[in-house]
Protein backbone atom coordinates (compact mmCIF):
# COMPACT_ATOMS: atom_id res chain seq x y z
CA MET A 1 48.81 73.89 142.39
CA ASN A 2 49.17 71.56 139.16
CA ASP A 3 45.50 72.87 138.42
CA VAL A 4 46.37 76.54 138.64
CA LEU A 5 49.52 76.00 136.85
CA ALA A 6 47.25 74.38 134.34
CA ARG A 7 44.54 76.91 134.04
CA VAL A 8 47.45 79.90 133.99
CA SER A 9 49.45 78.42 131.09
CA GLU A 10 46.29 77.90 129.14
CA ALA A 11 44.86 81.26 129.68
CA THR A 12 48.32 83.19 128.74
CA GLY A 13 50.32 80.58 126.86
CA VAL A 14 52.80 80.99 128.84
CA PRO A 15 54.55 77.51 129.19
CA ALA A 16 54.18 75.71 132.43
CA ASP A 17 57.61 74.70 132.95
CA LEU A 18 58.31 78.36 133.33
CA LEU A 19 55.86 78.85 136.09
CA GLY A 20 56.44 75.95 138.49
CA GLY A 21 58.57 77.40 140.98
CA TYR A 22 56.30 80.56 140.85
CA LEU A 23 53.56 78.89 142.01
CA SER A 24 55.47 77.12 144.83
CA VAL A 25 56.69 80.83 145.62
CA LEU A 26 52.89 81.70 145.95
CA ALA A 27 51.83 79.05 147.80
CA ALA A 28 54.62 79.28 150.44
CA THR A 29 53.90 82.90 150.83
CA VAL A 30 50.05 82.23 151.02
CA ALA A 31 50.64 79.37 154.04
CA THR A 32 53.52 81.28 155.82
CA GLY A 33 53.88 84.49 154.93
CA ARG A 34 57.42 83.56 154.00
CA LEU A 35 59.22 85.64 150.63
CA PRO A 36 61.29 84.45 148.38
CA SER A 37 64.34 82.84 148.95
CA ARG A 38 67.98 83.42 147.20
CA ALA A 39 67.84 80.00 145.58
CA GLU A 40 64.18 80.56 144.64
CA VAL A 41 64.53 83.93 143.32
CA ASP A 42 67.82 82.56 140.93
CA ASP A 43 65.62 80.02 139.42
CA MET A 44 63.25 82.51 138.49
CA ARG A 45 65.62 84.44 136.97
CA ALA A 46 66.84 81.31 134.96
CA CYS A 47 63.03 80.86 134.00
CA GLY A 48 63.20 84.77 132.80
CA ALA A 49 66.26 84.33 130.78
CA LEU A 50 64.69 80.68 129.48
CA ALA A 51 61.35 82.97 128.44
CA ALA A 52 63.80 85.36 126.44
CA GLU A 53 65.69 82.73 124.47
CA ARG A 54 62.06 80.99 123.37
CA GLY A 55 61.11 84.09 122.33
CA ILE A 56 58.07 84.76 124.72
CA PRO A 57 57.25 88.18 125.37
CA LEU A 58 58.03 89.69 128.38
CA ARG A 59 54.36 91.44 128.93
CA LEU A 60 53.00 87.56 128.53
CA LEU A 61 55.25 86.63 131.30
CA ALA A 62 54.42 89.46 133.79
CA ASP A 63 50.31 88.52 132.53
CA ALA A 64 51.09 85.00 133.80
CA CYS A 65 52.52 85.76 137.33
CA LEU A 66 49.56 88.34 137.77
CA HIS A 67 47.21 85.61 136.76
CA ALA A 68 48.53 82.92 138.99
CA ALA A 69 48.47 85.53 141.86
CA GLU A 70 44.37 86.05 141.02
CA LEU A 71 44.10 82.63 141.19
CA THR A 72 45.83 82.07 144.73
CA GLU A 73 44.56 82.49 147.82
CA GLY A 74 45.52 84.61 150.28
CA GLY A 75 47.35 88.01 150.14
CA ALA A 76 51.01 86.99 148.30
CA PHE A 77 51.24 90.40 146.06
CA SER A 78 54.55 90.86 148.21
CA ALA A 79 55.75 87.68 146.51
CA VAL A 80 54.57 88.53 143.21
CA ARG A 81 56.44 91.94 143.16
CA ARG A 82 59.66 90.02 144.42
CA SER A 83 58.99 87.33 141.79
CA MET A 84 58.37 89.75 138.59
CA ALA A 85 61.77 91.70 139.48
CA ALA A 86 63.60 88.22 139.30
CA PHE A 87 61.84 87.06 135.99
CA ALA A 88 62.47 90.63 134.29
CA GLU A 89 65.90 90.66 135.48
CA GLY A 90 66.99 87.30 134.06
CA TYR A 91 64.79 88.15 130.81
CA GLU A 92 66.45 91.39 130.43
CA GLU A 93 69.79 89.86 131.18
CA ALA A 94 68.97 87.18 128.55
CA GLN A 95 68.48 89.86 125.91
CA LEU A 96 71.63 91.77 126.70
CA THR A 97 73.45 88.71 126.10
CA ALA A 98 72.07 88.43 122.95
CA ILE A 99 72.61 91.80 121.99
CA ARG A 100 76.37 91.70 122.88
CA LYS A 101 76.77 88.54 120.88
CA GLU A 102 74.98 90.01 117.73
CA GLU A 103 77.20 92.91 117.98
CA ASP A 104 80.16 91.21 118.48
CA GLY A 105 79.04 88.82 115.25
CA ARG A 106 78.45 91.93 113.75
CA ARG A 107 82.22 93.42 114.00
CA GLU A 108 83.67 90.53 112.94
CA PHE A 109 81.21 89.99 109.86
CA VAL A 110 82.16 93.77 109.15
CA ALA A 111 85.86 92.96 109.35
CA ASP A 112 85.41 89.86 106.82
CA LEU A 113 83.35 92.02 104.62
CA LEU A 114 85.54 94.87 104.08
CA GLN A 115 88.55 92.09 103.14
CA GLY A 116 86.73 90.14 101.01
CA ARG A 117 86.02 87.11 103.48
CA ALA A 118 82.27 87.38 103.72
CA ASP A 119 80.19 84.25 102.59
CA ALA A 120 76.45 84.75 101.18
CA ARG A 121 75.24 82.72 104.31
CA ARG A 122 76.52 85.09 106.86
CA ALA A 123 75.76 88.57 104.73
CA GLU A 124 71.90 87.18 104.53
CA HIS A 125 71.85 87.27 108.06
CA PHE A 126 72.94 90.55 108.41
CA GLY A 127 70.33 91.62 105.78
CA LEU A 128 72.62 91.78 102.97
CA ARG A 129 72.16 90.31 99.46
CA LEU A 130 75.58 89.89 97.93
CA ALA A 131 73.84 89.48 94.43
CA GLU A 132 72.56 93.30 94.33
CA ALA A 133 74.61 96.55 93.77
CA TYR A 134 75.91 98.15 96.91
CA MET A 135 77.81 101.19 97.61
CA ALA A 136 79.77 102.47 100.20
CA THR A 137 80.19 106.12 102.00
CA VAL A 138 82.92 106.07 103.98
CA VAL A 139 83.67 109.57 106.63
CA LYS A 140 87.10 110.52 108.08
CA ALA A 141 86.70 112.47 111.32
CA GLY A 142 89.37 114.69 112.87
CA GLU A 143 90.03 112.07 115.24
CA PRO A 144 90.04 108.42 114.27
CA LEU A 145 86.75 106.81 115.49
CA THR A 146 86.10 103.27 117.44
CA GLY A 147 83.81 101.35 117.38
CA GLY A 148 82.65 101.86 121.05
CA ASP A 149 81.59 105.70 119.68
CA PRO A 150 78.42 106.32 120.64
CA LEU A 151 77.90 108.47 117.93
CA ILE A 152 78.07 105.36 115.44
CA ARG A 153 75.35 103.73 117.47
CA ARG A 154 73.15 106.75 116.97
CA ILE A 155 73.58 107.61 113.65
CA GLU A 156 72.87 103.89 113.00
CA GLN A 157 69.76 103.77 114.48
CA ALA A 158 68.78 107.00 112.92
CA LEU A 159 69.43 105.35 109.13
CA VAL A 160 67.76 102.06 110.12
CA ALA A 161 64.80 104.01 111.52
CA ARG A 162 64.21 105.67 107.84
CA PHE A 163 65.47 102.55 105.67
CA GLY A 164 65.30 99.30 107.86
CA SER A 165 67.69 97.25 109.35
CA HIS A 166 68.38 94.96 106.34
CA ASN A 167 69.33 97.84 104.12
CA ILE A 168 71.78 99.51 106.31
CA LEU A 169 74.91 98.51 107.50
CA VAL A 170 76.95 101.46 110.02
CA ALA A 171 80.46 100.42 111.14
CA VAL A 172 83.98 101.24 111.96
CA ARG A 173 87.11 100.15 109.89
CA ASP A 174 90.66 101.80 109.96
CA GLY A 175 89.32 104.45 111.87
CA LEU A 176 86.82 105.28 109.21
CA LEU A 177 83.07 105.18 109.52
CA VAL A 178 81.45 103.39 107.21
CA CYS A 179 77.87 103.20 105.97
CA VAL A 180 77.18 100.05 103.52
CA SER A 181 73.64 100.44 101.43
CA PRO A 182 72.11 99.17 98.05
CA ALA A 183 72.63 100.96 95.33
CA SER A 184 68.42 101.49 94.82
CA LEU A 185 68.54 103.53 97.88
CA GLY A 186 70.47 106.43 96.67
CA ALA A 187 69.34 108.76 99.39
CA ALA A 188 70.86 106.92 101.97
CA GLY A 189 74.27 108.04 101.50
CA GLY A 190 72.91 111.36 101.66
CA GLU A 191 71.48 110.74 104.93
CA PHE A 192 74.45 109.18 106.48
CA VAL A 193 76.33 112.30 105.68
CA HIS A 194 73.57 114.76 106.88
CA HIS A 195 73.84 112.91 110.20
CA VAL A 196 77.71 113.33 110.01
CA ARG A 197 77.76 117.15 109.29
CA ALA A 198 75.37 117.73 112.59
CA ALA A 199 77.38 115.21 114.68
CA LEU A 200 81.04 116.29 113.61
CA THR A 201 83.28 119.62 113.27
CA THR A 202 85.99 118.28 111.33
CA TRP A 203 85.36 115.71 108.60
CA ARG A 204 85.54 114.43 104.92
CA ALA A 205 83.43 111.67 102.94
CA GLY A 206 84.23 109.68 100.34
CA VAL A 207 81.16 107.97 97.87
CA GLY A 208 82.47 104.83 96.03
CA ARG A 209 80.65 103.59 92.88
CA PRO A 210 77.91 100.81 92.67
CA HIS A 211 79.30 96.85 92.76
CA SER A 212 77.69 93.93 93.16
CA GLY A 213 78.89 90.50 93.93
CA PRO A 214 80.83 89.42 96.87
CA GLY A 215 84.04 91.57 96.44
CA GLY A 216 81.58 94.45 95.36
CA ILE A 217 81.37 96.20 98.51
CA VAL A 218 85.26 95.84 99.40
CA THR A 219 85.53 97.40 95.93
CA SER A 220 83.45 100.19 96.79
CA TYR A 221 84.67 100.81 100.30
CA GLN A 222 88.15 101.12 98.54
CA GLU A 223 87.21 103.80 95.98
CA ALA A 224 85.51 105.73 98.81
CA ALA A 225 88.68 105.73 101.15
CA GLY A 226 90.56 106.32 97.92
CA ALA A 227 88.45 109.46 97.27
CA ILE A 228 89.31 110.95 100.67
CA GLU A 229 93.21 110.45 100.58
CA LEU A 230 92.94 111.73 96.95
CA GLY A 231 90.94 115.07 98.21
CA GLU A 232 93.74 115.31 101.00
CA ARG A 233 96.67 114.80 98.85
CA LEU A 234 95.11 117.50 95.93
CA GLY A 235 93.79 119.89 98.69
CA LEU A 236 90.13 119.79 97.52
CA ARG A 237 87.76 121.70 98.96
CA PRO A 238 84.22 119.82 98.61
CA GLN A 239 83.91 117.73 101.84
CA VAL A 240 82.02 115.11 99.99
CA LEU A 241 84.09 113.47 96.96
CA LYS A 242 82.41 110.86 94.51
CA ALA A 243 85.04 108.20 93.30
CA ALA A 244 83.32 108.81 90.12
CA ASP A 245 84.00 112.07 89.65
CA LEU A 246 87.82 111.23 90.66
CA LEU A 247 88.22 108.44 88.04
CA VAL A 248 90.99 110.28 86.05
CA PHE A 249 93.03 110.19 89.21
CA PRO A 250 93.77 106.43 89.34
CA VAL A 251 94.79 106.46 85.30
CA LEU A 252 96.94 109.16 85.95
CA LEU A 253 98.83 106.94 88.92
CA ARG A 254 98.75 103.97 86.58
CA ASP A 255 101.79 105.19 84.51
CA ARG A 256 103.73 107.21 87.18
CA GLY A 257 106.67 107.16 84.60
CA ALA A 258 104.50 109.09 82.18
CA ILE A 259 103.37 111.59 85.12
CA VAL A 260 106.81 112.35 86.22
CA ASP A 261 108.18 112.94 82.62
CA LEU A 262 104.87 115.24 82.36
CA VAL A 263 105.52 117.05 85.43
CA THR A 264 109.35 117.47 84.91
CA THR A 265 108.99 118.69 81.51
CA VAL A 266 105.97 121.13 81.89
CA LEU A 267 106.22 122.37 85.21
CA ALA A 268 109.99 122.08 86.27
CA PRO A 269 111.03 125.34 84.77
CA LEU A 270 109.13 127.08 87.20
CA THR A 271 111.76 126.25 89.93
CA LYS A 272 113.49 129.13 88.20
CA ALA A 273 110.85 131.61 89.66
CA ARG A 274 111.47 133.96 92.58
CA GLY A 275 110.47 132.37 95.72
CA GLY A 276 109.98 129.05 94.22
CA PRO A 277 106.90 127.15 92.36
CA GLU A 278 104.45 127.24 94.71
CA ALA A 279 102.64 130.49 94.12
CA LEU A 280 102.44 129.75 90.51
CA LEU A 281 101.04 126.51 90.99
CA GLU A 282 98.66 128.01 93.34
CA THR A 283 97.16 130.53 90.64
CA LEU A 284 97.11 127.54 88.00
CA GLU A 285 94.88 125.96 90.20
CA ALA A 286 92.84 128.61 90.96
CA VAL A 287 92.33 129.84 87.46
CA PHE A 288 91.40 126.21 86.61
CA ALA A 289 88.81 125.88 89.35
CA VAL A 290 87.13 128.76 88.15
CA GLN A 291 87.21 128.12 84.07
CA GLY A 292 89.46 130.72 83.47
CA ASN A 293 87.94 133.41 85.43
CA HIS A 294 90.81 135.88 86.40
CA THR A 295 88.61 137.95 88.97
CA ALA A 296 87.20 134.64 90.72
CA ALA A 297 90.81 133.37 90.93
CA ALA A 298 91.86 136.30 92.67
CA ARG A 299 89.20 136.49 95.05
CA ARG A 300 89.92 132.68 95.69
CA LEU A 301 94.00 133.59 96.47
CA GLY A 302 93.08 136.82 97.79
CA ILE A 303 95.30 138.72 95.26
CA SER A 304 95.03 141.25 92.81
CA THR A 305 93.61 140.08 89.24
CA ARG A 306 96.72 142.25 87.92
CA THR A 307 98.89 139.37 89.76
CA ILE A 308 96.95 136.71 88.54
CA THR A 309 97.91 138.13 84.92
CA TYR A 310 101.31 138.52 85.68
CA ARG A 311 101.92 135.56 87.28
CA LEU A 312 99.82 133.42 84.67
CA GLU A 313 102.21 135.88 81.72
CA ARG A 314 105.27 134.20 83.96
CA ILE A 315 104.27 130.69 83.42
CA ARG A 316 103.98 130.93 80.09
CA ARG A 317 107.51 132.30 79.53
CA LEU A 318 109.28 129.72 81.84
CA THR A 319 107.24 127.07 80.38
CA GLY A 320 106.35 127.66 77.09
CA PHE A 321 102.71 126.73 77.69
CA SER A 322 99.62 129.18 77.68
CA PRO A 323 96.70 128.57 80.17
CA THR A 324 94.47 130.78 77.56
CA ASP A 325 95.41 127.98 74.57
CA PRO A 326 93.04 125.20 74.84
CA THR A 327 95.39 122.47 74.12
CA GLN A 328 98.03 123.71 76.46
CA ARG A 329 95.70 124.39 78.70
CA PHE A 330 94.87 120.66 79.31
CA THR A 331 98.31 119.97 79.15
CA LEU A 332 99.19 122.02 82.10
CA GLU A 333 96.00 121.06 84.28
CA THR A 334 96.95 117.52 83.75
CA ALA A 335 100.90 118.25 84.61
CA VAL A 336 99.40 120.22 88.07
CA LEU A 337 97.25 117.39 89.16
CA GLY A 338 100.11 115.19 88.50
CA ALA A 339 102.61 117.16 90.63
CA ARG A 340 100.03 117.32 93.44
CA LEU A 341 99.42 113.44 92.94
CA LEU A 342 103.55 113.47 93.23
CA GLU A 343 103.78 115.83 96.01
CA TRP A 344 105.79 117.80 94.38
CA PRO A 345 107.44 120.25 94.71
CA GLU A 346 107.75 119.22 98.34
CA GLU A 347 109.03 115.58 97.16
CA PRO A 348 111.73 115.73 94.69
CA LEU A 349 110.98 113.92 91.54
CA PRO A 350 112.85 110.94 90.70
């Protein structure tokens, strides 16, 4: 038996300690016709798991089993079949256990990463080099997503197949689907959104700016999530919002007192209009969105061009600001944006 064990190990490269019990099973089958016992099957499952942990390919383990059967006298292939099944079962269980541990570690790492608690060594294990610039693309679905959603796995597999496992990190954070990718891979974020668009009916995406360093991913993630929030508060139409295009809004929010003063001074007179200020605010938003084209604004609102003209004149009379004057237009547009940020007129001004 030792001679057979040595020959099989030399021919296949499978360590002898993984095959000792298997050869005993073959010998017993040849001598008595007895199939492997439950204890022997458990031992071979353990050897299969050990082979997986040592990184021995399953095909080599199978080849060693078949080669040993060739060298053993008599008909032992019924024992071979049962033994190979035990080896493979143990091997696969070890692989699944390793995958679960990796996924658990990945989820824990992502949670720490997006809270600014990840260190460089852990990041490198998952393929992230924190000295590089990274950007986050965040998606908010109609219903909050969870880490166990199969959609997440499908999207991640598609992105990894194109860009490589060391360039893409897909996870769920606070019900949002997050994709982190190097800034040098500009197409990754767009590909991520492409798969989201194909899988979800209701969604909105935010794209953060590239940032480097341990806190860079956190900053980009916060910018992307903030872009989604701003889009909802302001009723912006695009489904994909870039934080770089919305930089004026954080500036406005930093001085809340100034924005309250602007909205009060410029727009508060609209409350005197019949039916309240909402229709006039919507008119201003539509006109500003199409660069002052009354026909296009009327089409957006589903009203006549004459109604647009009437409302703009009403706004000029009530506020003293004309949307056709360049300087006054800027003041009006900023005030309207400020009103949406303050959720006025639904919420009263301080």
